[in-house]
C-alpha atoms as a PDB file:
ATOM      1  CA  PRO A   1     100.979  76.598  53.748  1.00  0.00           C
ATOM      2  CA  CYS A   2     100.394  76.626  57.545  1.00  0.00           C
ATOM      3  CA  HIS A   3     103.908  78.062  58.051  1.00  0.00           C
ATOM      4  CA  LEU A   4     103.553  81.030  55.715  1.00  0.00           C
ATOM      5  CA  GLY A   5     102.767  83.485  58.421  1.00  0.00           C
ATOM      6  CA  PRO A   6     106.195  85.227  58.368  1.00  0.00           C
ATOM      7  CA  VAL A   7     106.135  85.485  54.552  1.00  0.00           C
ATOM      8  CA  VAL A   8     102.672  86.782  54.335  1.00  0.00           C
ATOM      9  CA  GLY A   9     103.208  89.114  57.327  1.00  0.00           C
ATOM     10  CA  GLY A  10     106.359  90.459  55.859  1.00  0.00           C
ATOM     11  CA  TRP A  11     104.594  90.937  52.463  1.00  0.00           C
ATOM     12  CA  TYR A  12     101.881  93.082  54.213  1.00  0.00           C
ATOM     13  CA  LYS A  13     104.627  95.251  55.936  1.00  0.00           C
ATOM     14  CA  VAL A  14     106.186  95.761  52.422  1.00  0.00           C
ATOM     15  CA  LEU A  15     102.788  96.711  50.928  1.00  0.00           C
ATOM     16  CA  ASP A  16     102.179  99.189  53.801  1.00  0.00           C
ATOM     17  CA  ARG A  17     105.587 100.662  53.256  1.00  0.00           C
ATOM     18  CA  PHE A  18     104.875 101.330  49.487  1.00  0.00           C
ATOM     19  CA  ILE A  19     101.280 102.272  49.972  1.00  0.00           C
ATOM     20  CA  PRO A  20     101.030 103.716  53.491  1.00  0.00           C
ATOM     21  CA  GLY A  21      97.409 104.935  53.501  1.00  0.00           C
ATOM     22  CA  THR A  22      94.194 103.316  54.530  1.00  0.00           C
ATOM     23  CA  THR A  23      91.688 104.904  52.042  1.00  0.00           C
ATOM     24  CA  LYS A  24      89.550 102.908  49.772  1.00  0.00           C
ATOM     25  CA  VAL A  25      91.932 103.695  46.872  1.00  0.00           C
ATOM     26  CA  ASP A  26      94.971 102.613  48.950  1.00  0.00           C
ATOM     27  CA  ALA A  27      93.163  99.343  49.845  1.00  0.00           C
ATOM     28  CA  LEU A  28      92.467  98.838  46.093  1.00  0.00           C
ATOM     29  CA  LYS A  29      96.062  99.395  45.200  1.00  0.00           C
ATOM     30  CA  LYS A  30      97.270  96.952  47.836  1.00  0.00           C
ATOM     31  CA  MET A  31      94.791  94.322  46.710  1.00  0.00           C
ATOM     32  CA  LEU A  32      95.856  94.747  42.957  1.00  0.00           C
ATOM     33  CA  LEU A  33      99.408  94.429  43.971  1.00  0.00           C
ATOM     34  CA  ASP A  34      98.735  91.483  46.215  1.00  0.00           C
ATOM     35  CA  GLN A  35      96.634  89.664  43.694  1.00  0.00           C
ATOM     36  CA  GLY A  36      98.673  90.687  40.534  1.00  0.00           C
ATOM     37  CA  GLY A  37     102.081  89.926  42.024  1.00  0.00           C
ATOM     38  CA  PHE A  38     102.141  87.807  45.217  1.00  0.00           C
ATOM     39  CA  ALA A  39      99.339  85.422  44.532  1.00  0.00           C
ATOM     40  CA  PRO A  40     100.502  84.288  41.053  1.00  0.00           C
ATOM     41  CA  CYS A  41     104.122  83.906  42.335  1.00  0.00           C
ATOM     42  CA  PHE A  42     102.955  82.076  45.478  1.00  0.00           C
ATOM     43  CA  LEU A  43     100.767  79.566  43.518  1.00  0.00           C
ATOM     44  CA  GLY A  44     103.681  79.128  40.992  1.00  0.00           C
ATOM     45  CA  CYS A  45     105.962  78.197  43.765  1.00  0.00           C
ATOM     46  CA  PHE A  46     103.597  76.279  46.020  1.00  0.00           C
ATOM     47  CA  LEU A  47     102.285  73.793  43.425  1.00  0.00           C
ATOM     48  CA  PRO A  48     105.662  72.457  42.148  1.00  0.00           C
ATOM     49  CA  LEU A  49     107.130  72.506  45.631  1.00  0.00           C
ATOM     50  CA  VAL A  50     104.363  70.141  46.920  1.00  0.00           C
ATOM     51  CA  GLY A  51     104.902  68.007  43.862  1.00  0.00           C
ATOM     52  CA  ALA A  52     108.658  67.900  44.472  1.00  0.00           C
ATOM     53  CA  LEU A  53     108.195  67.090  48.096  1.00  0.00           C
ATOM     54  CA  ASN A  54     105.814  64.181  47.141  1.00  0.00           C
ATOM     55  CA  GLY A  55     108.545  62.794  44.860  1.00  0.00           C
ATOM     56  CA  LEU A  56     107.109  63.742  41.569  1.00  0.00           C
ATOM     57  CA  PRO A  57     109.649  63.554  38.817  1.00  0.00           C
ATOM     58  CA  ALA A  58     110.475  66.984  37.375  1.00  0.00           C
ATOM     59  CA  GLN A  59     108.736  66.307  33.893  1.00  0.00           C
ATOM     60  CA  ASP A  60     105.594  65.143  35.669  1.00  0.00           C
ATOM     61  CA  ASN A  61     105.767  68.025  38.085  1.00  0.00           C
ATOM     62  CA  TRP A  62     106.012  70.528  35.242  1.00  0.00           C
ATOM     63  CA  ALA A  63     103.043  68.965  33.379  1.00  0.00           C
ATOM     64  CA  LYS A  64     101.005  69.032  36.626  1.00  0.00           C
ATOM     65  CA  LEU A  65     101.856  72.701  37.104  1.00  0.00           C
ATOM     66  CA  GLN A  66     100.808  73.548  33.550  1.00  0.00           C
ATOM     67  CA  ARG A  67      97.545  71.645  34.074  1.00  0.00           C
ATOM     68  CA  ASP A  68      96.691  72.911  37.616  1.00  0.00           C
ATOM     69  CA  TYR A  69      98.080  76.414  37.694  1.00  0.00           C
ATOM     70  CA  PRO A  70      95.545  78.252  35.619  1.00  0.00           C
ATOM     71  CA  ASP A  71      92.564  76.740  37.473  1.00  0.00           C
ATOM     72  CA  ALA A  72      94.129  77.329  40.830  1.00  0.00           C
ATOM     73  CA  LEU A  73      94.814  80.977  39.892  1.00  0.00           C
ATOM     74  CA  ILE A  74      91.245  81.527  38.634  1.00  0.00           C
ATOM     75  CA  THR A  75      89.783  79.972  41.721  1.00  0.00           C
ATOM     76  CA  ASN A  76      92.120  82.216  43.763  1.00  0.00           C
ATOM     77  CA  TYR A  77      90.522  85.195  42.070  1.00  0.00           C
ATOM     78  CA  TYR A  78      86.994  84.118  43.090  1.00  0.00           C
ATOM     79  CA  LEU A  79      88.025  84.280  46.722  1.00  0.00           C
ATOM     80  CA  TRP A  80      90.895  86.482  47.598  1.00  0.00           C
ATOM     81  CA  PRO A  81      90.382  89.845  45.985  1.00  0.00           C
ATOM     82  CA  ALA A  82      87.170  90.504  48.007  1.00  0.00           C
ATOM     83  CA  VAL A  83      88.874  89.159  51.254  1.00  0.00           C
ATOM     84  CA  GLN A  84      91.941  91.252  50.626  1.00  0.00           C
ATOM     85  CA  LEU A  85      90.097  94.471  49.765  1.00  0.00           C
ATOM     86  CA  ALA A  86      88.102  94.203  52.984  1.00  0.00           C
ATOM     87  CA  ASN A  87      91.244  93.207  54.909  1.00  0.00           C
ATOM     88  CA  PHE A  88      93.302  96.197  53.626  1.00  0.00           C
ATOM     89  CA  TYR A  89      90.515  98.636  54.085  1.00  0.00           C
ATOM     90  CA  LEU A  90      88.937  97.582  57.359  1.00  0.00           C
ATOM     91  CA  VAL A  91      91.572  95.640  59.317  1.00  0.00           C
ATOM     92  CA  PRO A  92      94.618  97.224  61.029  1.00  0.00           C
ATOM     93  CA  LEU A  93      97.935  95.850  59.845  1.00  0.00           C
ATOM     94  CA  HIS A  94      98.618  93.716  63.082  1.00  0.00           C
ATOM     95  CA  TYR A  95      95.330  91.821  62.558  1.00  0.00           C
ATOM     96  CA  ARG A  96      95.477  91.352  58.924  1.00  0.00           C
ATOM     97  CA  LEU A  97      97.524  88.091  59.116  1.00  0.00           C
ATOM     98  CA  ALA A  98      94.897  86.619  61.516  1.00  0.00           C
ATOM     99  CA  VAL A  99      92.062  87.341  59.114  1.00  0.00           C
ATOM    100  CA  VAL A 100      93.963  85.820  56.149  1.00  0.00           C
ATOM    101  CA  GLN A 101      94.773  82.694  58.283  1.00  0.00           C
ATOM    102  CA  CYS A 102      91.076  82.190  59.051  1.00  0.00           C
ATOM    103  CA  VAL A 103      90.146  82.355  55.402  1.00  0.00           C
ATOM    104  CA  ALA A 104      93.329  80.243  54.442  1.00  0.00           C
ATOM    105  CA  VAL A 105      91.851  77.254  56.328  1.00  0.00           C
ATOM    106  CA  ILE A 106      89.375  76.828  53.528  1.00  0.00           C
ATOM    107  CA  TRP A 107      91.830  77.937  50.792  1.00  0.00           C
ATOM    108  CA  ASN A 108      94.545  75.669  51.968  1.00  0.00           C
ATOM    109  CA  SER A 109      92.169  72.711  51.900  1.00  0.00           C
ATOM    110  CA  TYR A 110      91.398  73.550  48.282  1.00  0.00           C
ATOM    111  CA  LEU A 111      95.088  73.877  47.457  1.00  0.00           C
ATOM    112  CA  SER A 112      96.056  70.651  49.154  1.00  0.00           C
ATOM    113  CA  TRP A 113      93.493  68.856  47.162  1.00  0.00           C
ATOM    114  CA  LYS A 114      94.658  70.462  44.014  1.00  0.00           C
ATOM    115  CA  ALA A 115      98.273  69.810  44.782  1.00  0.00           C
ATOM    116  CA  HIS A 116      97.667  66.140  45.634  1.00  0.00           C
ATOM    117  CA  ARG A 117      95.384  65.274  42.747  1.00  0.00           C
ATOM    118  CA  LEU A 118      97.127  63.177  40.062  1.00  0.00           C
END
């Protein structure tokens, strides 16, 4: 996850293209798209990718994804909606990635623990 800057930065540019404003309502729309679309897809790709890179057989990787994905997504929703709402409302586009990377240090530690837990 430490090399996701271009992906996340690109995603923020797409969000700003679709929802160009900076009002509270615009920030809420961006957060809902981010958390309703990007976050579930990211977790659904990240967890099995780590499993595959660690040599987990496909069947075990699928079982691990089914076990870990719901909890990881729920935990995501405890942290990221508030962070992203503030980020989209208060932070200029060119600083948003830096804000997310600071919070991501904690989040990525959790994801790493979750992904490597057997």
